[in-house]
C-alpha atoms as a PDB file:
ATOM      1  CA  MET A   1     -14.642  11.364  18.875  1.00  0.00           C
ATOM      2  CA  ASN A   2     -12.161   9.156  17.061  1.00  0.00           C
ATOM      3  CA  ALA A   3      -8.667   9.225  18.287  1.00  0.00           C
ATOM      4  CA  HIS A   4      -6.251  11.025  16.134  1.00  0.00           C
ATOM      5  CA  ILE A   5      -4.503   8.334  13.908  1.00  0.00           C
ATOM      6  CA  SER A   6      -0.672   8.467  13.993  1.00  0.00           C
ATOM      7  CA  LEU A   7       1.515   9.068  11.019  1.00  0.00           C
ATOM      8  CA  ARG A   8       3.361   5.773  11.007  1.00  0.00           C
ATOM      9  CA  PRO A   9       0.169   3.483  10.681  1.00  0.00           C
ATOM     10  CA  ILE A  10      -1.043   5.966   7.903  1.00  0.00           C
ATOM     11  CA  ALA A  11       2.555   5.427   6.193  1.00  0.00           C
ATOM     12  CA  GLY A  12       1.602   1.774   6.187  1.00  0.00           C
ATOM     13  CA  LEU A  13      -1.363   2.408   4.024  1.00  0.00           C
ATOM     14  CA  LEU A  14       1.255   3.165   1.049  1.00  0.00           C
ATOM     15  CA  ALA A  15       1.649  -0.046   0.128  1.00  0.00           C
ATOM     16  CA  LEU A  16      -1.836  -0.694  -2.163  1.00  0.00           C
ATOM     17  CA  LEU A  17      -0.515   0.136  -1.458  1.00  0.00           C
ATOM     18  CA  LEU A  18       2.892   1.000  -0.273  1.00  0.00           C
ATOM     19  CA  PHE A  19       3.807  -0.423   2.931  1.00  0.00           C
ATOM     20  CA  PHE A  20       7.592  -1.087   2.010  1.00  0.00           C
ATOM     21  CA  ALA A  21       8.677   2.342   0.728  1.00  0.00           C
ATOM     22  CA  ALA A  22       6.775   3.708   3.953  1.00  0.00           C
ATOM     23  CA  ALA A  23       8.664   1.386   6.285  1.00  0.00           C
ATOM     24  CA  ALA A  24      11.991   2.027   4.702  1.00  0.00           C
ATOM     25  CA  SER A  25      11.424   5.764   5.065  1.00  0.00           C
ATOM     26  CA  ALA A  26       9.597   6.074   8.211  1.00  0.00           C
ATOM     27  CA  PRO A  27       9.644   9.674   9.961  1.00  0.00           C
ATOM     28  CA  VAL A  28      11.110   8.080  13.046  1.00  0.00           C
ATOM     29  CA  GLN A  29      15.031   8.178  12.761  1.00  0.00           C
ATOM     30  CA  ALA A  30      17.197   5.266  14.150  1.00  0.00           C
ATOM     31  CA  GLU A  31      20.706   5.520  15.335  1.00  0.00           C
ATOM     32  CA  GLU A  32      23.220   5.157  12.590  1.00  0.00           C
ATOM     33  CA  PRO A  33      24.246   1.586  12.262  1.00  0.00           C
ATOM     34  CA  SER A  34      27.945   0.627  12.886  1.00  0.00           C
ATOM     35  CA  PRO A  35      29.980  -0.869   9.865  1.00  0.00           C
ATOM     36  CA  ASP A  36      29.898  -4.213  11.713  1.00  0.00           C
ATOM     37  CA  GLU A  37      26.120  -4.297  12.179  1.00  0.00           C
ATOM     38  CA  ILE A  38      25.720  -3.465   8.372  1.00  0.00           C
ATOM     39  CA  GLU A  39      27.876  -6.380   7.489  1.00  0.00           C
ATOM     40  CA  MET A  40      25.997  -8.702   9.861  1.00  0.00           C
ATOM     41  CA  ALA A  41      22.606  -7.733   8.288  1.00  0.00           C
ATOM     42  CA  LEU A  42      23.980  -8.249   4.882  1.00  0.00           C
ATOM     43  CA  GLU A  43      25.350 -11.768   5.790  1.00  0.00           C
ATOM     44  CA  SER A  44      22.090 -12.777   7.389  1.00  0.00           C
ATOM     45  CA  PRO A  45      19.387 -12.351   4.890  1.00  0.00           C
ATOM     46  CA  ILE A  46      15.842 -13.265   5.679  1.00  0.00           C
ATOM     47  CA  LEU A  47      14.662 -16.485   4.065  1.00  0.00           C
ATOM     48  CA  VAL A  48      10.835 -16.615   2.937  1.00  0.00           C
ATOM     49  CA  MET A  49       9.239 -19.770   1.771  1.00  0.00           C
ATOM     50  CA  PRO A  50       6.600 -19.387  -0.892  1.00  0.00           C
ATOM     51  CA  ALA A  51       3.158 -20.772  -0.152  1.00  0.00           C
ATOM     52  CA  VAL A  52       2.672 -24.272  -1.431  1.00  0.00           C
ATOM     53  CA  LEU A  53      -0.471 -23.770  -3.843  1.00  0.00           C
ATOM     54  CA  SER A  54      -2.659 -26.687  -5.077  1.00  0.00           C
ATOM     55  CA  PRO A  55      -3.935 -26.295  -8.683  1.00  0.00           C
ATOM     56  CA  GLU A  56      -7.062 -24.902  -7.433  1.00  0.00           C
ATOM     57  CA  ASP A  57      -5.132 -22.305  -5.420  1.00  0.00           C
ATOM     58  CA  SER A  58      -3.269 -21.296  -8.198  1.00  0.00           C
ATOM     59  CA  GLU A  59      -6.190 -20.770 -10.447  1.00  0.00           C
ATOM     60  CA  TRP A  60      -7.861 -18.457  -7.895  1.00  0.00           C
ATOM     61  CA  LEU A  61      -4.550 -16.638  -7.458  1.00  0.00           C
ATOM     62  CA  SER A  62      -4.688 -16.214 -11.370  1.00  0.00           C
ATOM     63  CA  ARG A  63      -8.324 -14.899 -10.973  1.00  0.00           C
ATOM     64  CA  ALA A  64      -6.991 -12.228  -8.588  1.00  0.00           C
ATOM     65  CA  GLU A  65      -4.321 -11.113 -10.869  1.00  0.00           C
ATOM     66  CA  LYS A  66      -6.900 -10.893 -13.682  1.00  0.00           C
ATOM     67  CA  TYR A  67      -9.149  -8.903 -11.337  1.00  0.00           C
ATOM     68  CA  PHE A  68      -6.427  -6.291 -11.147  1.00  0.00           C
ATOM     69  CA  ALA A  69      -5.679  -6.451 -14.637  1.00  0.00           C
ATOM     70  CA  ALA A  70      -9.397  -5.756 -15.589  1.00  0.00           C
ATOM     71  CA  ILE A  71      -9.519  -2.573 -13.389  1.00  0.00           C
ATOM     72  CA  ASP A  72      -8.670   0.683 -15.307  1.00  0.00           C
ATOM     73  CA  SER A  73      -9.567   2.678 -12.456  1.00  0.00           C
ATOM     74  CA  ILE A  74     -11.325   2.888  -8.993  1.00  0.00           C
ATOM     75  CA  ARG A  75     -12.993   5.061  -6.458  1.00  0.00           C
ATOM     76  CA  ALA A  76     -13.743   4.092  -2.942  1.00  0.00           C
ATOM     77  CA  SER A  77     -14.313   5.193   0.362  1.00  0.00           C
ATOM     78  CA  PHE A  78     -12.161   3.568   3.042  1.00  0.00           C
ATOM     79  CA  PHE A  79     -11.912   3.140   6.914  1.00  0.00           C
ATOM     80  CA  GLN A  80      -8.515   2.670   8.395  1.00  0.00           C
ATOM     81  CA  SER A  81      -7.700   1.515  12.252  1.00  0.00           C
ATOM     82  CA  SER A  82      -4.319   1.656  13.906  1.00  0.00           C
ATOM     83  CA  PRO A  83      -2.673  -0.462  16.592  1.00  0.00           C
ATOM     84  CA  GLU A  84      -3.272   2.488  18.959  1.00  0.00           C
ATOM     85  CA  GLY A  85      -6.888   2.278  18.622  1.00  0.00           C
ATOM     86  CA  GLY A  86      -7.145   5.605  16.268  1.00  0.00           C
ATOM     87  CA  THR A  87      -9.141   5.702  13.383  1.00  0.00           C
ATOM     88  CA  ALA A  88      -9.233   7.444  10.075  1.00  0.00           C
ATOM     89  CA  GLU A  89     -11.591   7.787   6.946  1.00  0.00           C
ATOM     90  CA  GLY A  90     -11.079   9.081   3.298  1.00  0.00           C
ATOM     91  CA  VAL A  91     -11.422   8.434  -0.252  1.00  0.00           C
ATOM     92  CA  PHE A  92      -9.142   6.533  -2.510  1.00  0.00           C
ATOM     93  CA  TYR A  93      -8.647   6.806  -6.227  1.00  0.00           C
ATOM     94  CA  LEU A  94      -6.677   4.564  -8.549  1.00  0.00           C
ATOM     95  CA  ARG A  95      -6.195   4.822 -12.306  1.00  0.00           C
ATOM     96  CA  ARG A  96      -3.509   2.298 -13.652  1.00  0.00           C
ATOM     97  CA  PRO A  97      -0.986   2.563 -14.407  1.00  0.00           C
ATOM     98  CA  GLY A  98       0.624   4.217 -11.347  1.00  0.00           C
ATOM     99  CA  ARG A  99      -1.753   7.025 -10.710  1.00  0.00           C
ATOM    100  CA  LEU A 100      -3.418   7.310  -7.324  1.00  0.00           C
ATOM    101  CA  ARG A 101      -4.899   9.790  -4.857  1.00  0.00           C
ATOM    102  CA  ILE A 102      -5.533   9.086  -1.110  1.00  0.00           C
ATOM    103  CA  GLU A 103      -7.512  11.877   0.552  1.00  0.00           C
ATOM    104  CA  TYR A 104      -8.011  11.671   4.475  1.00  0.00           C
ATOM    105  CA  LEU A 105     -10.951  13.173   5.975  1.00  0.00           C
ATOM    106  CA  PRO A 106     -10.336  15.967   8.644  1.00  0.00           C
ATOM    107  CA  PRO A 107      -8.785  15.751  11.344  1.00  0.00           C
ATOM    108  CA  THR A 108      -6.232  13.711   9.668  1.00  0.00           C
ATOM    109  CA  PRO A 109      -3.853  16.050   7.943  1.00  0.00           C
ATOM    110  CA  ILE A 110      -2.502  13.791   5.026  1.00  0.00           C
ATOM    111  CA  LEU A 111      -2.763  13.685   1.290  1.00  0.00           C
ATOM    112  CA  ILE A 112      -1.067  11.092  -0.892  1.00  0.00           C
ATOM    113  CA  VAL A 113      -0.864  11.409  -4.463  1.00  0.00           C
ATOM    114  CA  GLY A 114       0.783   9.349  -7.253  1.00  0.00           C
ATOM    115  CA  ASP A 115       1.318  11.207 -10.688  1.00  0.00           C
ATOM    116  CA  GLY A 116       2.426   8.320 -12.670  1.00  0.00           C
ATOM    117  CA  VAL A 117       6.139   8.935 -11.735  1.00  0.00           C
ATOM    118  CA  PHE A 118       6.493   9.685  -8.159  1.00  0.00           C
ATOM    119  CA  LEU A 119       4.315   9.068  -5.179  1.00  0.00           C
ATOM    120  CA  HIS A 120       3.776  12.202  -2.704  1.00  0.00           C
ATOM    121  CA  PHE A 121       3.242  12.001   0.915  1.00  0.00           C
ATOM    122  CA  HIS A 122       2.118  15.461   2.083  1.00  0.00           C
ATOM    123  CA  ASP A 123       1.543  16.296   5.740  1.00  0.00           C
ATOM    124  CA  THR A 124      -0.563  19.388   5.387  1.00  0.00           C
ATOM    125  CA  GLU A 125      -0.246  20.199   9.069  1.00  0.00           C
ATOM    126  CA  LEU A 126       3.263  20.175   9.252  1.00  0.00           C
ATOM    127  CA  GLY A 127       4.008  21.182   5.679  1.00  0.00           C
ATOM    128  CA  GLN A 128       6.339  18.224   5.016  1.00  0.00           C
ATOM    129  CA  VAL A 129       6.515  16.298   1.727  1.00  0.00           C
ATOM    130  CA  SER A 130       8.281  12.938   1.033  1.00  0.00           C
ATOM    131  CA  ASP A 131       8.508  11.252  -2.575  1.00  0.00           C
ATOM    132  CA  TRP A 132       9.215   7.818  -3.599  1.00  0.00           C
ATOM    133  CA  PRO A 133       9.548   6.703  -7.267  1.00  0.00           C
ATOM    134  CA  ILE A 134       6.168   4.890  -7.651  1.00  0.00           C
ATOM    135  CA  PHE A 135       7.235   2.016  -9.519  1.00  0.00           C
ATOM    136  CA  ASP A 136       9.960   1.180  -6.908  1.00  0.00           C
ATOM    137  CA  THR A 137       7.285   0.178  -4.572  1.00  0.00           C
ATOM    138  CA  PRO A 138       4.588  -2.713  -4.449  1.00  0.00           C
ATOM    139  CA  LEU A 139       2.059  -0.167  -5.741  1.00  0.00           C
ATOM    140  CA  GLY A 140       3.742  -0.202  -9.021  1.00  0.00           C
ATOM    141  CA  ALA A 141       3.571  -3.818  -9.363  1.00  0.00           C
ATOM    142  CA  LEU A 142      -0.198  -3.850  -8.336  1.00  0.00           C
ATOM    143  CA  SER A 143      -0.943  -0.838 -10.726  1.00  0.00           C
ATOM    144  CA  SER A 144       1.028  -1.990 -13.778  1.00  0.00           C
ATOM    145  CA  ASP A 145      -0.518  -3.315 -16.867  1.00  0.00           C
ATOM    146  CA  ASP A 146       0.671  -6.806 -15.976  1.00  0.00           C
ATOM    147  CA  VAL A 147       0.049  -7.720 -12.415  1.00  0.00           C
ATOM    148  CA  ASN A 148       2.016 -10.919 -11.344  1.00  0.00           C
ATOM    149  CA  PHE A 149       1.991 -11.642  -7.587  1.00  0.00           C
ATOM    150  CA  ASN A 150       5.231 -13.735  -7.947  1.00  0.00           C
ATOM    151  CA  ASP A 151       7.200 -11.343  -9.654  1.00  0.00           C
ATOM    152  CA  ASP A 152       8.340  -8.476  -7.415  1.00  0.00           C
ATOM    153  CA  LEU A 153       6.141  -9.914  -4.640  1.00  0.00           C
ATOM    154  CA  ILE A 154       6.150 -13.426  -2.990  1.00  0.00           C
ATOM    155  CA  VAL A 155       2.877 -15.076  -1.972  1.00  0.00           C
ATOM    156  CA  THR A 156       3.551 -16.419   1.669  1.00  0.00           C
ATOM    157  CA  HIS A 157       0.150 -17.496   2.577  1.00  0.00           C
ATOM    158  CA  PHE A 158      -3.203 -18.257   0.649  1.00  0.00           C
ATOM    159  CA  ARG A 159      -6.552 -19.113   2.200  1.00  0.00           C
ATOM    160  CA  ARG A 160     -10.018 -19.614   1.105  1.00  0.00           C
ATOM    161  CA  ARG A 161     -13.032 -19.830   3.229  1.00  0.00           C
ATOM    162  CA  SER A 162     -16.854 -19.190   3.003  1.00  0.00           C
ATOM    163  CA  GLY A 163     -16.400 -17.349  -0.297  1.00  0.00           C
ATOM    164  CA  ALA A 164     -13.670 -15.229   0.702  1.00  0.00           C
ATOM    165  CA  MET A 165      -9.990 -15.218  -0.102  1.00  0.00           C
ATOM    166  CA  ALA A 166      -6.971 -14.025   1.467  1.00  0.00           C
ATOM    167  CA  ILE A 167      -3.506 -13.529  -0.059  1.00  0.00           C
ATOM    168  CA  THR A 168      -0.394 -12.547   1.835  1.00  0.00           C
ATOM    169  CA  LEU A 169       2.558 -10.963  -0.007  1.00  0.00           C
ATOM    170  CA  VAL A 170       5.987  -9.764   0.848  1.00  0.00           C
ATOM    171  CA  LYS A 171       8.509  -8.044  -1.151  1.00  0.00           C
ATOM    172  CA  ARG A 172      10.917 -10.181  -2.879  1.00  0.00           C
ATOM    173  CA  GLU A 173      13.932  -7.964  -2.467  1.00  0.00           C
ATOM    174  CA  ASP A 174      13.453  -7.140   1.273  1.00  0.00           C
ATOM    175  CA  PRO A 175      10.691  -9.422   3.048  1.00  0.00           C
ATOM    176  CA  GLY A 176      11.923  -8.091   6.507  1.00  0.00           C
ATOM    177  CA  LEU A 177      10.270  -4.827   5.886  1.00  0.00           C
ATOM    178  CA  GLY A 178       6.762  -6.337   6.662  1.00  0.00           C
ATOM    179  CA  SER A 179       3.792  -8.251   4.928  1.00  0.00           C
ATOM    180  CA  PHE A 180       0.603  -7.164   3.169  1.00  0.00           C
ATOM    181  CA  THR A 181      -2.467  -9.205   2.913  1.00  0.00           C
ATOM    182  CA  LEU A 182      -5.260  -8.454   0.405  1.00  0.00           C
ATOM    183  CA  TYR A 183      -8.769  -9.850   1.214  1.00  0.00           C
ATOM    184  CA  PHE A 184     -11.193 -10.514  -1.692  1.00  0.00           C
ATOM    185  CA  SER A 185     -14.812 -11.689  -1.911  1.00  0.00           C
ATOM    186  CA  GLU A 186     -15.028 -14.325  -4.534  1.00  0.00           C
ATOM    187  CA  ALA A 187     -18.728 -13.979  -6.074  1.00  0.00           C
ATOM    188  CA  PRO A 188     -18.270 -11.512  -7.220  1.00  0.00           C
ATOM    189  CA  MET A 189     -14.431 -11.080  -7.220  1.00  0.00           C
ATOM    190  CA  GLU A 190     -13.850  -7.681  -5.512  1.00  0.00           C
ATOM    191  CA  LEU A 191     -11.231  -6.507  -3.113  1.00  0.00           C
ATOM    192  CA  LYS A 192     -12.556  -5.581   0.271  1.00  0.00           C
ATOM    193  CA  GLN A 193      -9.767  -5.030   2.706  1.00  0.00           C
ATOM    194  CA  TRP A 194      -6.099  -5.155   3.062  1.00  0.00           C
ATOM    195  CA  THR A 195      -3.832  -5.504   6.200  1.00  0.00           C
ATOM    196  CA  VAL A 196      -0.211  -4.004   6.689  1.00  0.00           C
ATOM    197  CA  ILE A 197       2.121  -5.633   9.459  1.00  0.00           C
ATOM    198  CA  ASP A 198       5.152  -3.491   9.362  1.00  0.00           C
ATOM    199  CA  ALA A 199       8.666  -4.529  10.440  1.00  0.00           C
ATOM    200  CA  GLN A 200       7.956  -3.957  14.057  1.00  0.00           C
ATOM    201  CA  GLY A 201       4.840  -5.928  13.898  1.00  0.00           C
ATOM    202  CA  LEU A 202       2.282  -3.066  13.911  1.00  0.00           C
ATOM    203  CA  GLU A 203      -0.887  -3.743  12.376  1.00  0.00           C
ATOM    204  CA  THR A 204      -2.908  -1.461  10.081  1.00  0.00           C
ATOM    205  CA  ASN A 205      -6.262  -2.539   8.611  1.00  0.00           C
ATOM    206  CA  VAL A 206      -8.023  -0.743   5.663  1.00  0.00           C
ATOM    207  CA  THR A 207     -11.629  -1.486   4.640  1.00  0.00           C
ATOM    208  CA  LEU A 208     -12.842  -0.385   1.405  1.00  0.00           C
ATOM    209  CA  PHE A 209     -16.573   0.476   0.706  1.00  0.00           C
ATOM    210  CA  ASN A 210     -18.780   1.999  -1.849  1.00  0.00           C
ATOM    211  CA  ALA A 211     -16.123   1.005  -4.641  1.00  0.00           C
ATOM    212  CA  GLU A 212     -16.767   1.953  -8.069  1.00  0.00           C
ATOM    213  CA  THR A 213     -14.561   0.596 -10.847  1.00  0.00           C
ATOM    214  CA  ASN A 214     -13.604   1.644 -14.590  1.00  0.00           C
ATOM    215  CA  ILE A 215     -14.874   4.969 -14.020  1.00  0.00           C
ATOM    216  CA  ASP A 216     -13.786   8.413 -15.578  1.00  0.00           C
ATOM    217  CA  LEU A 217     -11.638  10.188 -13.146  1.00  0.00           C
ATOM    218  CA  ALA A 218     -10.298  13.647 -13.674  1.00  0.00           C
ATOM    219  CA  ASN A 219      -6.707  14.143 -14.571  1.00  0.00           C
ATOM    220  CA  SER A 220      -6.503  16.824 -11.693  1.00  0.00           C
ATOM    221  CA  LEU A 221      -6.846  14.176  -9.064  1.00  0.00           C
ATOM    222  CA  PHE A 222      -3.290  12.874  -9.958  1.00  0.00           C
ATOM    223  CA  VAL A 223      -1.480  16.270  -9.968  1.00  0.00           C
ATOM    224  CA  PHE A 224       0.344  16.971  -6.940  1.00  0.00           C
ATOM    225  CA  ASP A 225       0.237  20.521  -5.948  1.00  0.00           C
ATOM    226  CA  ASP A 226       3.856  20.811  -4.549  1.00  0.00           C
ATOM    227  CA  PRO A 227       4.254  23.198  -1.533  1.00  0.00           C
ATOM    228  CA  ARG A 228       7.846  23.235  -2.041  1.00  0.00           C
ATOM    229  CA  GLU A 229       7.486  24.979  -5.348  1.00  0.00           C
ATOM    230  CA  LYS A 230       5.313  27.904  -3.852  1.00  0.00           C
ATOM    231  CA  SER A 231       7.892  28.481  -1.067  1.00  0.00           C
ATOM    232  CA  ALA A 232      10.982  28.551  -3.488  1.00  0.00           C
ATOM    233  CA  GLY A 233       9.104  31.101  -5.846  1.00  0.00           C
ATOM    234  CA  ARG A 234       8.598  33.264  -2.769  1.00  0.00           C
END
């Protein structure tokens, strides 16, 4: 039997898909920082050096951007593993711009829906919902009409080997929240996997399979049935 995967690694998935918003809003609450700690943090920004790319590397990076730009929609199954050894499976849907749905299979009680404005994270077991403006996350950058890795995101590492390519990204505004690596096959160009490393160094891997692109997806997939509205109506 697969170990039950914890909520924190699941939140890491949000960064296709969303790691920075999840890391910034993780359910574990830390102690309130003191004014001196806040001032020290503001005065000590994390400096990130962009990867030095050869002309050939830049061309392949451009191909990856064009790959995303050419995808209007995608449906794929996924397998996710957490640092604790837990695993989860589900189905991932994306329709650009800004619409997605991540359905985890039981026993993982999580549903994630992006409706083009907000990203909703629903723990169906606890009945808890968290929301983020979808275009305030890296997901917004990757699902926008104009994908540019060096706009809101910084390419920190770029690797090619044996027909595969890996691009590591951090958020330009707050690189200390973690990194996100996209893995592609080159022939054909296709996103195969991503790895999230959060601010605590925990690694989450997500592998896609049976992917279908540019297919019709029902509008209902991207409508979030908010349990809070039902509770308010009682």
